[in-house]
Amino acid sequence: MNSSEAEPWFAGFLGRSLRVLERENPRIAGEVARRLGRRAVAVDVGGERFQLRSDGCEVRVDVGYGEPAVRIAVRARTMLDLLEARETLLGAALGGRLVLRGRADEIAVFHDALTAWLHGAVRSPGFEALLVEFGARIAADEEVSDVAGS
């Protein structure tokens, strides 16, 4: 995984969560990689853009510009709601809070991999600290937005 403190924050969060999953739940980490196969996914979380790449054995966060099989756009708050089980993937997609673009079969593959990551992440003890950090970052960003909007 290519992740460092200099990366934009959600890409760093995702990279760290993938490492936690590999360390604490390698079976599910392998399942996520196998489900993605050899694919790139263009990710846009609140305007932060990067790619998630899999070689079928490992998933990594990348700033590459290869042609993605799927594109996903979602607000950070919606991603937190998904992680904390306050929202479902289907509900977010139908409500327009999560947008997926790509061929139907590619979206289905990505959905299965994303679902495996969500299930594995929330079952990994080390993920709890990452989730708290993620939630605090979103709350701080929303507070700044509220103050700026006043």
Foldseek 3Di string as FASTA:
>chain_A
DDEDPPAPPVLNLVQVLLVLLCVQPVVLSLVLLQLLAQFKEWEAEPNRTWIWGHNSGHIHTGRDDDDGQKYKYAYLVVVLCCLVVVAPPVRCPVVVRMDMDHDPVNVVSNVVSVVSSSVSSSVRPVNVVSSVVSVVVVVVVVVVVVVVVD
